[in-house]
Amino acid sequence: MIRVPIRTVSIVTLGCSKNAVDSEVLAGTLARTGLELVSEPEGADAIVINTCGFIAAAKEESINTILEAIELKAAGRTRAVVVAGCLAERYGNELRKELPEVDLIVGTEQFSTIARFLSPDHKYTLVGERVQSTPPHYAYVKISEGCDHPCSFCAIPLMRGRHRSRPEPEIEHEVRRLVSNGVREIILIGQDTTYYGYDLYRKRTIADLLRRLLDIEGLQWLRMLYAYPSHFPLEVLDVMRERSKMCKYLDLPLQHCSTDVLRSMRRGITRRATEELIATIRERVPGIALRTTFIVGYPAETERHFDELCRFVEEQRFDRLGVFTYSHEEGTYAEILGDPIPEEVKIERQQTLMEIQRGISYQRNRALIGTALRAIVDEALPNGEYRCRTEADAPEVDCELYVTAPQTLTVGDFITAEITDAAEYDLFGTVQCAVLPSVAAAS
């Protein structure tokens, strides 16, 4: 138990957008107990580290961050260190044994436990409205937790458990509140957003949820991340085609194309089925931006399989693409396969695949010169330019559009811009008109 009163808390968030949402909920919970949230860990009475434990690099970053917080505590520059999140969920016992300097170690979504520990005078702590950490014009909304898929490389079920959908009314209420506060773009996330509803309604109801949210007045863009290719609910494509506020953008992590590798990965899909799905998506939603990710260096991936993947990427010409090197994770189905591919080979394959995509992205972006695109303003830059995103781009992971404008723009404005130049991952343009008021003016 903490003997000195805690008044200020700094939350350090590591990992993905799903972790960021958890930190926002935690921040809201702590704020309601009367604690003051501060951005800098050094000097805060308590530091809460929301860790990531997905792959080796993320685990290393989490451990290093914990050690830095412990050093601040030893130097008297913080009083308490709390470790939460995925790494704590997966390795809690080991962390308690190896890092006794940490005051509290809890798993995922333990918001009330953390609040009661830091502010024990508050006997009842309700989890409710979150403190938004993203810019005011967009927000992530988690529609489900956990995952039921048995992917051999993935440790998420070990940390997050089985798939659990949030009820539709609860999600709608949260989105309405965010939009009323000035949010213009909602980004739906979950370990598998396309599986939404199955545990509640015995069928996938993600399309119904999308339609329900799109009816909310004031919402301008609705974007969906983390779709799963196997048994993809095609009715989602109807929503994208029919509703203008639904971004024609799909994040569809394929992980590989070789049927042999996909079978070893336990992805529940073949190369042929993957190609048929991509063709169907593009046919039913003309102009859709497809983003995907691949894993290279998986134990079952031979040079032949990697060459097949390279040809596949060249043929499919994805709009956006990311590549991860395989991380050998204990407790997963793939653990028994070992980690036979040297790290330098994994990195070489990653660089090769990204070089192919770099050329594709350059060609795609150059083809946009002379066109007019709708975009949202993310940041006003010191040089008078504005950093924006088009409908084809999610925050932080995709291309960015840099524009000049004859009038002053505000973060959250929607604009129409003529594309005047393009690089591999950046677009450049001039503003033709601002088509919606800014967040500040609307809120």
Protein backbone atom coordinates (compact mmCIF):
# COMPACT_ATOMS: atom_id res chain seq x y z
CA MET A 1 0.00 0.00 0.00
CA ILE A 2 1.23 3.48 -0.89
CA ARG A 3 1.94 5.49 2.28
CA VAL A 4 2.40 8.91 0.61
CA PRO A 5 -0.69 10.45 -1.06
CA ILE A 6 -0.72 10.29 -4.85
CA ARG A 7 -1.93 13.45 -6.56
CA THR A 8 -0.46 13.34 -10.08
CA VAL A 9 -0.28 10.39 -12.47
CA SER A 10 1.43 9.94 -15.83
CA ILE A 11 0.16 7.15 -18.13
CA VAL A 12 2.69 5.76 -20.61
CA THR A 13 1.02 3.87 -23.45
CA LEU A 14 2.91 1.35 -25.56
CA GLY A 15 1.67 -0.71 -28.50
CA CYS A 16 -1.39 -0.41 -30.68
CA SER A 17 -4.49 1.78 -30.87
CA LYS A 18 -6.39 -0.78 -28.78
CA ASN A 19 -3.96 -0.10 -25.93
CA ALA A 20 -4.43 3.63 -26.49
CA VAL A 21 -8.19 3.26 -25.96
CA ASP A 22 -7.55 1.32 -22.74
CA SER A 23 -5.31 4.14 -21.51
CA GLU A 24 -8.00 6.68 -22.33
CA VAL A 25 -10.53 4.73 -20.26
CA LEU A 26 -8.02 4.43 -17.43
CA ALA A 27 -7.32 8.17 -17.61
CA GLY A 28 -11.03 8.89 -17.29
CA THR A 29 -11.30 6.55 -14.33
CA LEU A 30 -8.35 8.15 -12.54
CA ALA A 31 -9.61 11.66 -13.25
CA ARG A 32 -12.92 10.85 -11.58
CA THR A 33 -11.08 9.89 -8.40
CA GLY A 34 -9.60 13.38 -8.27
CA LEU A 35 -6.13 12.49 -9.54
CA GLU A 36 -4.40 14.94 -11.89
CA LEU A 37 -3.12 13.52 -15.18
CA VAL A 38 0.27 14.81 -16.36
CA SER A 39 2.11 14.07 -19.59
CA GLU A 40 5.68 13.70 -18.33
CA PRO A 41 6.55 10.65 -16.18
CA GLU A 42 9.42 12.37 -14.43
CA GLY A 43 8.06 14.28 -11.45
CA ALA A 44 4.66 12.57 -11.45
CA ASP A 45 3.68 11.01 -8.13
CA ALA A 46 2.86 7.76 -9.96
CA ILE A 47 3.67 6.28 -13.35
CA VAL A 48 1.31 3.78 -14.97
CA ILE A 49 2.82 1.85 -17.89
CA ASN A 50 0.29 0.25 -20.23
CA THR A 51 2.53 -2.37 -21.80
CA CYS A 52 2.53 -4.30 -25.07
CA GLY A 53 3.55 -7.96 -25.23
CA PHE A 54 2.69 -8.84 -28.82
CA ILE A 55 6.15 -9.48 -30.32
CA ALA A 56 9.74 -9.51 -29.11
CA ALA A 57 10.47 -5.88 -30.01
CA ALA A 58 7.35 -4.70 -28.18
CA LYS A 59 8.23 -6.74 -25.10
CA GLU A 60 11.74 -5.29 -25.07
CA GLU A 61 10.36 -1.75 -25.32
CA SER A 62 7.97 -2.47 -22.45
CA ILE A 63 10.72 -3.86 -20.20
CA ASN A 64 13.00 -0.91 -20.94
CA THR A 65 10.21 1.54 -20.13
CA ILE A 66 9.53 -0.23 -16.83
CA LEU A 67 13.22 -0.11 -15.93
CA GLU A 68 13.35 3.61 -16.69
CA ALA A 69 10.39 4.19 -14.36
CA ILE A 70 12.07 2.13 -11.64
CA GLU A 71 15.16 4.33 -11.99
CA LEU A 72 13.00 7.44 -11.54
CA LYS A 73 11.52 5.91 -8.41
CA ALA A 74 14.97 5.06 -7.01
CA ALA A 75 16.07 8.65 -7.65
CA GLY A 76 13.03 10.01 -5.81
CA ARG A 77 11.46 11.52 -8.96
CA THR A 78 8.31 9.39 -8.68
CA ARG A 79 6.69 7.56 -5.78
CA ALA A 80 4.93 4.62 -7.40
CA VAL A 81 5.24 2.48 -10.53
CA VAL A 82 2.26 0.52 -11.86
CA VAL A 83 2.61 -1.96 -14.72
CA ALA A 84 -0.53 -2.97 -16.62
CA GLY A 85 -1.60 -4.21 -20.03
CA CYS A 86 -0.64 -7.10 -22.26
CA LEU A 87 2.87 -7.82 -20.99
CA ALA A 88 1.60 -7.81 -17.40
CA GLU A 89 -1.28 -10.09 -18.36
CA ARG A 90 1.04 -12.57 -20.04
CA TYR A 91 4.07 -12.46 -17.72
CA GLY A 92 2.65 -11.11 -14.46
CA ASN A 93 4.22 -13.74 -12.20
CA GLU A 94 7.64 -13.37 -13.82
CA LEU A 95 7.50 -9.58 -13.55
CA ARG A 96 6.56 -9.71 -9.86
CA LYS A 97 9.51 -12.00 -9.21
CA GLU A 98 12.10 -10.11 -11.25
CA LEU A 99 10.95 -6.53 -10.58
CA PRO A 100 9.97 -6.20 -6.92
CA GLU A 101 10.41 -2.43 -7.18
CA VAL A 102 7.14 -2.23 -9.13
CA ASP A 103 4.30 -1.38 -6.75
CA LEU A 104 1.42 -2.98 -8.65
CA ILE A 105 1.24 -5.37 -11.60
CA VAL A 106 -2.16 -6.03 -13.17
CA GLY A 107 -3.36 -7.30 -16.55
CA THR A 108 -5.56 -5.73 -19.18
CA GLU A 109 -8.63 -3.59 -18.43
CA GLN A 110 -7.99 -3.46 -14.66
CA PHE A 111 -8.98 0.20 -14.49
CA SER A 112 -10.81 0.16 -11.16
CA THR A 113 -8.05 -1.88 -9.50
CA ILE A 114 -5.45 0.70 -10.50
CA ALA A 115 -7.68 3.58 -9.37
CA ARG A 116 -8.31 2.02 -5.95
CA PHE A 117 -4.61 1.35 -5.50
CA LEU A 118 -3.57 4.92 -6.32
CA SER A 119 -6.49 6.55 -4.54
CA PRO A 120 -7.59 4.17 -1.76
CA ASP A 121 -9.94 6.70 -0.16
CA HIS A 122 -12.30 6.23 -3.10
CA LYS A 123 -14.10 3.00 -2.32
CA TYR A 124 -16.19 2.91 -5.50
CA THR A 125 -14.68 3.73 -8.84
CA LEU A 126 -16.93 3.55 -11.89
CA VAL A 127 -15.44 3.01 -15.36
CA GLY A 128 -17.08 5.45 -17.76
CA GLU A 129 -16.19 8.40 -19.96
CA ARG A 130 -12.63 8.30 -21.21
CA VAL A 131 -10.07 11.08 -21.64
CA GLN A 132 -9.34 11.34 -25.36
CA SER A 133 -5.62 11.23 -26.19
CA THR A 134 -5.95 11.56 -29.96
CA PRO A 135 -6.43 14.95 -31.64
CA PRO A 136 -9.97 16.26 -31.09
CA HIS A 137 -11.23 15.50 -34.60
CA TYR A 138 -10.77 11.70 -34.64
CA ALA A 139 -11.08 8.90 -32.12
CA TYR A 140 -10.70 5.14 -31.92
CA VAL A 141 -13.65 3.11 -30.65
CA LYS A 142 -13.10 -0.47 -29.53
CA ILE A 143 -16.09 -2.63 -30.54
CA SER A 144 -14.81 -5.93 -29.17
CA GLU A 145 -12.09 -7.50 -27.08
CA GLY A 146 -10.17 -10.75 -27.47
CA CYS A 147 -10.01 -13.18 -30.37
CA ASP A 148 -11.28 -16.69 -31.18
CA HIS A 149 -9.00 -17.34 -34.16
CA PRO A 150 -6.25 -19.96 -33.67
CA CYS A 151 -3.49 -18.22 -35.67
CA SER A 152 -0.31 -20.12 -34.90
CA PHE A 153 1.97 -17.08 -34.58
CA CYS A 154 -0.29 -14.92 -32.42
CA ALA A 155 -0.23 -14.50 -28.65
CA ILE A 156 -3.24 -12.17 -28.45
CA PRO A 157 -5.64 -14.86 -27.14
CA LEU A 158 -3.14 -15.53 -24.35
CA MET A 159 -3.31 -11.88 -23.28
CA ARG A 160 -6.80 -10.76 -24.28
CA GLY A 161 -8.84 -13.95 -24.04
CA ARG A 162 -11.82 -15.04 -26.16
CA HIS A 163 -13.72 -12.70 -28.43
CA ARG A 164 -16.23 -10.48 -26.59
CA SER A 165 -18.41 -7.99 -28.48
CA ARG A 166 -19.69 -4.82 -26.87
CA PRO A 167 -23.47 -4.36 -27.20
CA GLU A 168 -24.53 -2.12 -30.07
CA PRO A 169 -26.34 0.46 -27.85
CA GLU A 170 -23.21 0.88 -25.73
CA ILE A 171 -21.04 1.53 -28.79
CA GLU A 172 -23.60 3.91 -30.27
CA HIS A 173 -23.75 5.86 -27.00
CA GLU A 174 -19.97 6.24 -26.95
CA VAL A 175 -19.83 7.37 -30.59
CA ARG A 176 -22.64 9.90 -30.05
CA ARG A 177 -20.79 11.35 -27.08
CA LEU A 178 -17.54 11.63 -29.03
CA VAL A 179 -19.27 13.27 -32.00
CA SER A 180 -21.04 15.72 -29.69
CA ASN A 181 -17.58 16.66 -28.37
CA GLY A 182 -16.35 17.53 -31.86
CA VAL A 183 -15.03 14.23 -33.23
CA ARG A 184 -15.57 13.98 -36.99
CA GLU A 185 -13.91 10.65 -37.77
CA ILE A 186 -14.53 7.43 -35.85
CA ILE A 187 -12.15 4.51 -36.34
CA LEU A 188 -13.52 1.14 -35.24
CA ILE A 189 -10.99 -1.31 -33.82
CA GLY A 190 -10.84 -4.76 -32.25
CA GLN A 191 -8.71 -7.87 -32.60
CA ASP A 192 -11.11 -8.88 -35.41
CA THR A 193 -13.77 -6.30 -36.23
CA THR A 194 -15.46 -8.54 -38.83
CA TYR A 195 -16.28 -11.12 -36.14
CA TYR A 196 -18.31 -8.53 -34.27
CA GLY A 197 -21.64 -9.68 -32.88
CA TYR A 198 -21.22 -13.43 -33.20
CA ASP A 199 -21.00 -14.04 -29.45
CA LEU A 200 -24.03 -11.81 -28.76
CA TYR A 201 -26.31 -12.54 -31.69
CA ARG A 202 -24.98 -15.86 -33.09
CA LYS A 203 -24.14 -14.14 -36.36
CA ARG A 204 -21.74 -11.49 -37.55
CA THR A 205 -23.53 -8.17 -37.31
CA ILE A 206 -20.76 -5.72 -38.15
CA ALA A 207 -22.73 -4.38 -41.16
CA ASP A 208 -25.72 -3.64 -38.93
CA LEU A 209 -23.47 -1.81 -36.48
CA LEU A 210 -21.93 0.25 -39.27
CA ARG A 211 -25.35 1.35 -40.54
CA ARG A 212 -26.44 2.26 -37.03
CA LEU A 213 -23.38 4.43 -36.45
CA LEU A 214 -23.55 6.05 -39.89
CA ASP A 215 -26.98 7.43 -39.00
CA ILE A 216 -25.45 9.55 -36.23
CA GLU A 217 -25.73 13.23 -37.14
CA GLY A 218 -22.40 15.04 -37.18
CA LEU A 219 -20.27 11.99 -37.93
CA GLN A 220 -18.43 12.56 -41.21
CA TRP A 221 -16.13 9.56 -41.63
CA LEU A 222 -16.42 6.02 -40.27
CA ARG A 223 -13.38 3.81 -40.79
CA MET A 224 -12.88 0.13 -39.92
CA LEU A 225 -9.54 -1.51 -39.07
CA TYR A 226 -8.42 -5.10 -38.37
CA ALA A 227 -10.71 -7.11 -40.66
CA TYR A 228 -10.08 -10.85 -40.89
CA PRO A 229 -10.00 -12.40 -44.39
CA SER A 230 -11.43 -15.83 -43.58
CA HIS A 231 -15.26 -15.80 -43.72
CA PHE A 232 -15.25 -12.08 -44.44
CA PRO A 233 -18.84 -10.70 -44.15
CA LEU A 234 -19.48 -9.41 -47.66
CA GLU A 235 -22.43 -7.26 -46.56
CA VAL A 236 -19.82 -4.82 -45.21
CA LEU A 237 -18.99 -4.03 -48.84
CA ASP A 238 -22.58 -3.01 -49.49
CA VAL A 239 -22.33 -0.46 -46.68
CA MET A 240 -19.08 0.92 -48.10
CA ARG A 241 -20.58 1.24 -51.56
CA GLU A 242 -23.90 2.73 -50.49
CA ARG A 243 -22.99 5.12 -47.66
CA SER A 244 -20.82 8.13 -48.43
CA LYS A 245 -19.69 8.59 -44.80
CA MET A 246 -18.27 5.06 -44.72
CA CYS A 247 -14.63 5.30 -45.79
CA LYS A 248 -13.89 3.21 -48.85
CA TYR A 249 -10.89 1.80 -47.05
CA LEU A 250 -10.29 -1.69 -45.71
CA ASP A 251 -7.50 -2.89 -43.45
CA LEU A 252 -7.27 -6.62 -44.25
CA PRO A 253 -4.17 -8.25 -42.68
CA LEU A 254 -3.44 -11.25 -44.95
CA GLN A 255 -0.12 -12.27 -43.29
CA HIS A 256 0.89 -14.40 -46.30
CA CYS A 257 -0.31 -15.65 -49.68
CA SER A 258 1.17 -19.15 -49.93
CA THR A 259 -1.40 -21.82 -49.17
CA ASP A 260 1.31 -23.92 -47.50
CA VAL A 261 2.28 -21.09 -45.16
CA LEU A 262 -1.31 -20.03 -44.53
CA ARG A 263 -2.17 -23.59 -43.56
CA SER A 264 0.74 -23.70 -41.10
CA MET A 265 -0.33 -20.30 -39.78
CA ARG A 266 -3.84 -21.70 -39.21
CA ARG A 267 -5.42 -18.78 -41.03
CA GLY A 268 -8.39 -20.73 -42.38
CA ILE A 269 -7.93 -19.53 -45.97
CA THR A 270 -6.03 -20.46 -49.14
CA ARG A 271 -4.29 -18.35 -51.77
CA ARG A 272 -7.10 -18.95 -54.24
CA ALA A 273 -9.75 -17.89 -51.71
CA THR A 274 -7.66 -14.83 -50.85
CA GLU A 275 -7.44 -13.78 -54.49
CA GLU A 276 -11.18 -14.32 -54.95
CA LEU A 277 -11.92 -12.18 -51.88
CA ILE A 278 -9.68 -9.33 -53.10
CA ALA A 279 -11.34 -9.44 -56.53
CA THR A 280 -14.80 -9.37 -54.95
CA ILE A 281 -13.89 -6.43 -52.72
CA ARG A 282 -12.57 -4.40 -55.63
CA GLU A 283 -15.50 -5.29 -57.86
CA ARG A 284 -18.19 -4.43 -55.30
CA VAL A 285 -16.50 -1.26 -54.00
CA PRO A 286 -14.84 0.48 -56.96
CA GLY A 287 -11.95 2.67 -55.92
CA ILE A 288 -11.56 1.10 -52.47
CA ALA A 289 -8.17 1.50 -50.80
CA LEU A 290 -6.86 -1.86 -49.60
CA ARG A 291 -4.33 -2.00 -46.80
CA THR A 292 -2.70 -5.25 -45.68
CA THR A 293 0.20 -6.62 -43.65
CA PHE A 294 2.45 -9.63 -44.14
CA ILE A 295 4.75 -11.66 -41.92
CA VAL A 296 8.10 -12.76 -43.37
CA GLY A 297 10.47 -15.28 -41.84
CA TYR A 298 7.73 -17.53 -40.47
CA PRO A 299 9.27 -20.98 -39.71
CA ALA A 300 7.45 -22.69 -42.61
CA GLU A 301 8.36 -20.00 -45.13
CA THR A 302 10.97 -21.21 -47.64
CA GLU A 303 12.67 -19.11 -50.31
CA ARG A 304 10.09 -20.44 -52.74
CA HIS A 305 7.26 -19.28 -50.52
CA PHE A 306 8.85 -15.85 -50.15
CA ASP A 307 9.31 -15.53 -53.92
CA GLU A 308 5.64 -16.41 -54.27
CA LEU A 309 4.76 -13.65 -51.80
CA CYS A 310 6.81 -11.11 -53.75
CA ARG A 311 5.06 -12.00 -57.00
CA PHE A 312 1.69 -11.84 -55.23
CA VAL A 313 2.36 -8.31 -53.99
CA GLU A 314 3.48 -7.25 -57.48
CA GLU A 315 0.29 -8.69 -58.97
CA GLN A 316 -2.21 -7.37 -56.41
CA ARG A 317 -0.77 -3.84 -56.14
CA PHE A 318 -2.12 -3.01 -52.71
CA ASP A 319 -2.69 0.65 -51.88
CA ARG A 320 -1.05 0.34 -48.46
CA LEU A 321 1.17 -2.42 -47.09
CA GLY A 322 3.21 -3.18 -43.98
CA VAL A 323 5.66 -6.00 -43.32
CA PHE A 324 6.61 -7.58 -39.98
CA THR A 325 9.38 -10.06 -39.31
CA TYR A 326 8.29 -13.22 -37.53
CA SER A 327 8.59 -13.14 -33.75
CA HIS A 328 8.87 -16.53 -32.03
CA GLU A 329 6.41 -16.47 -29.13
CA GLU A 330 6.18 -19.05 -26.36
CA GLY A 331 2.75 -20.51 -25.77
CA THR A 332 1.62 -20.13 -29.39
CA TYR A 333 0.87 -23.02 -31.73
CA ALA A 334 3.96 -22.18 -33.79
CA GLU A 335 6.29 -22.53 -30.82
CA ILE A 336 6.98 -26.18 -31.66
CA LEU A 337 8.25 -25.13 -35.11
CA GLY A 338 11.19 -23.32 -33.56
CA ASP A 339 12.71 -20.22 -35.11
CA PRO A 340 14.96 -21.62 -37.86
CA ILE A 341 15.23 -18.55 -40.13
CA PRO A 342 18.09 -16.22 -39.13
CA GLU A 343 17.15 -12.68 -38.16
CA GLU A 344 19.26 -11.19 -40.93
CA VAL A 345 17.31 -13.23 -43.49
CA LYS A 346 14.01 -12.02 -42.01
CA ILE A 347 15.16 -8.40 -42.23
CA GLU A 348 16.38 -8.89 -45.80
CA ARG A 349 13.00 -10.31 -46.81
CA GLN A 350 11.21 -7.46 -45.08
CA GLN A 351 13.30 -4.88 -46.93
CA THR A 352 12.82 -6.66 -50.26
CA LEU A 353 9.05 -6.75 -49.91
CA MET A 354 8.87 -3.13 -48.79
CA GLU A 355 11.02 -2.09 -51.75
CA ILE A 356 8.51 -3.72 -54.08
CA GLN A 357 5.68 -1.91 -52.32
CA ARG A 358 7.58 1.37 -52.40
CA GLY A 359 7.56 1.28 -56.20
CA ILE A 360 3.87 0.36 -56.29
CA SER A 361 2.98 3.14 -53.88
CA TYR A 362 4.97 5.66 -55.91
CA GLN A 363 3.18 4.71 -59.11
CA ARG A 364 -0.23 4.81 -57.44
CA ASN A 365 0.44 8.19 -55.87
CA ARG A 366 1.78 9.70 -59.11
CA ALA A 367 -1.40 8.61 -60.86
CA LEU A 368 -3.33 10.91 -58.50
CA ILE A 369 -1.64 14.08 -59.78
CA GLY A 370 -4.26 16.36 -61.26
CA THR A 371 -7.15 14.80 -59.36
CA ALA A 372 -9.17 16.39 -56.56
CA LEU A 373 -9.40 14.51 -53.25
CA ARG A 374 -11.35 15.09 -50.08
CA ALA A 375 -9.20 15.15 -46.96
CA ILE A 376 -9.22 16.03 -43.28
CA VAL A 377 -6.72 18.44 -41.71
CA ASP A 378 -4.61 16.74 -39.04
CA GLU A 379 -2.06 19.46 -38.23
CA ALA A 380 -1.14 23.06 -39.04
CA LEU A 381 2.62 23.19 -39.73
CA PRO A 382 4.96 26.10 -38.89
CA ASN A 383 5.81 26.70 -42.57
CA GLY A 384 2.22 27.55 -43.44
CA GLU A 385 1.41 24.11 -44.83
CA TYR A 386 -1.16 21.70 -43.46
CA ARG A 387 -0.74 17.97 -42.90
CA CYS A 388 -3.88 16.12 -43.99
CA ARG A 389 -5.22 12.64 -44.73
CA THR A 390 -7.43 11.38 -47.51
CA GLU A 391 -10.20 8.82 -47.20
CA ALA A 392 -7.60 6.20 -48.24
CA ASP A 393 -5.41 6.84 -45.21
CA ALA A 394 -5.74 5.93 -41.53
CA PRO A 395 -3.85 7.98 -38.92
CA GLU A 396 -0.19 7.20 -38.23
CA VAL A 397 0.15 4.18 -40.56
CA ASP A 398 -0.67 5.45 -44.07
CA CYS A 399 0.20 8.23 -46.52
CA GLU A 400 -0.08 11.91 -45.67
CA LEU A 401 -1.17 14.84 -47.81
CA TYR A 402 0.61 18.21 -47.44
CA VAL A 403 -1.29 21.22 -48.75
CA THR A 404 -1.11 24.97 -49.03
CA ALA A 405 -4.31 26.98 -48.73
CA PRO A 406 -5.43 30.51 -49.63
CA GLN A 407 -7.32 30.70 -46.34
CA THR A 408 -6.55 29.72 -42.76
CA LEU A 409 -7.52 26.16 -41.96
CA THR A 410 -8.15 24.57 -38.57
CA VAL A 411 -7.42 21.04 -37.44
CA GLY A 412 -10.54 19.02 -38.16
CA ASP A 413 -11.53 20.94 -41.30
CA PHE A 414 -12.55 18.86 -44.30
CA ILE A 415 -11.08 20.15 -47.55
CA THR A 416 -10.98 19.38 -51.25
CA ALA A 417 -7.41 19.49 -52.56
CA GLU A 418 -5.94 19.24 -56.04
CA ILE A 419 -2.95 16.88 -56.05
CA THR A 420 0.05 18.63 -57.60
CA ASP A 421 2.91 16.25 -56.76
CA ALA A 422 3.55 12.88 -55.15
CA ALA A 423 6.28 10.79 -53.53
CA GLU A 424 6.32 7.17 -52.39
CA TYR A 425 4.33 7.80 -49.22
CA ASP A 426 3.38 11.49 -49.42
CA LEU A 427 1.03 13.58 -51.52
CA PHE A 428 1.22 17.33 -52.11
CA GLY A 429 -1.53 19.68 -53.19
CA THR A 430 -3.39 22.95 -53.00
CA VAL A 431 -6.73 23.51 -51.31
CA GLN A 432 -9.66 24.19 -53.62
CA CYS A 433 -12.20 24.65 -50.84
CA ALA A 434 -13.00 23.81 -47.23
CA VAL A 435 -16.14 21.74 -47.27
CA LEU A 436 -16.96 21.49 -43.55
CA PRO A 437 -16.46 23.70 -40.51
CA SER A 438 -13.64 22.90 -38.16
CA VAL A 439 -14.03 20.93 -34.98
CA ALA A 440 -13.46 24.06 -32.94
CA ALA A 441 -16.21 25.93 -34.77
CA ALA A 442 -18.62 23.00 -34.54
CA SER A 443 -18.12 22.20 -30.85
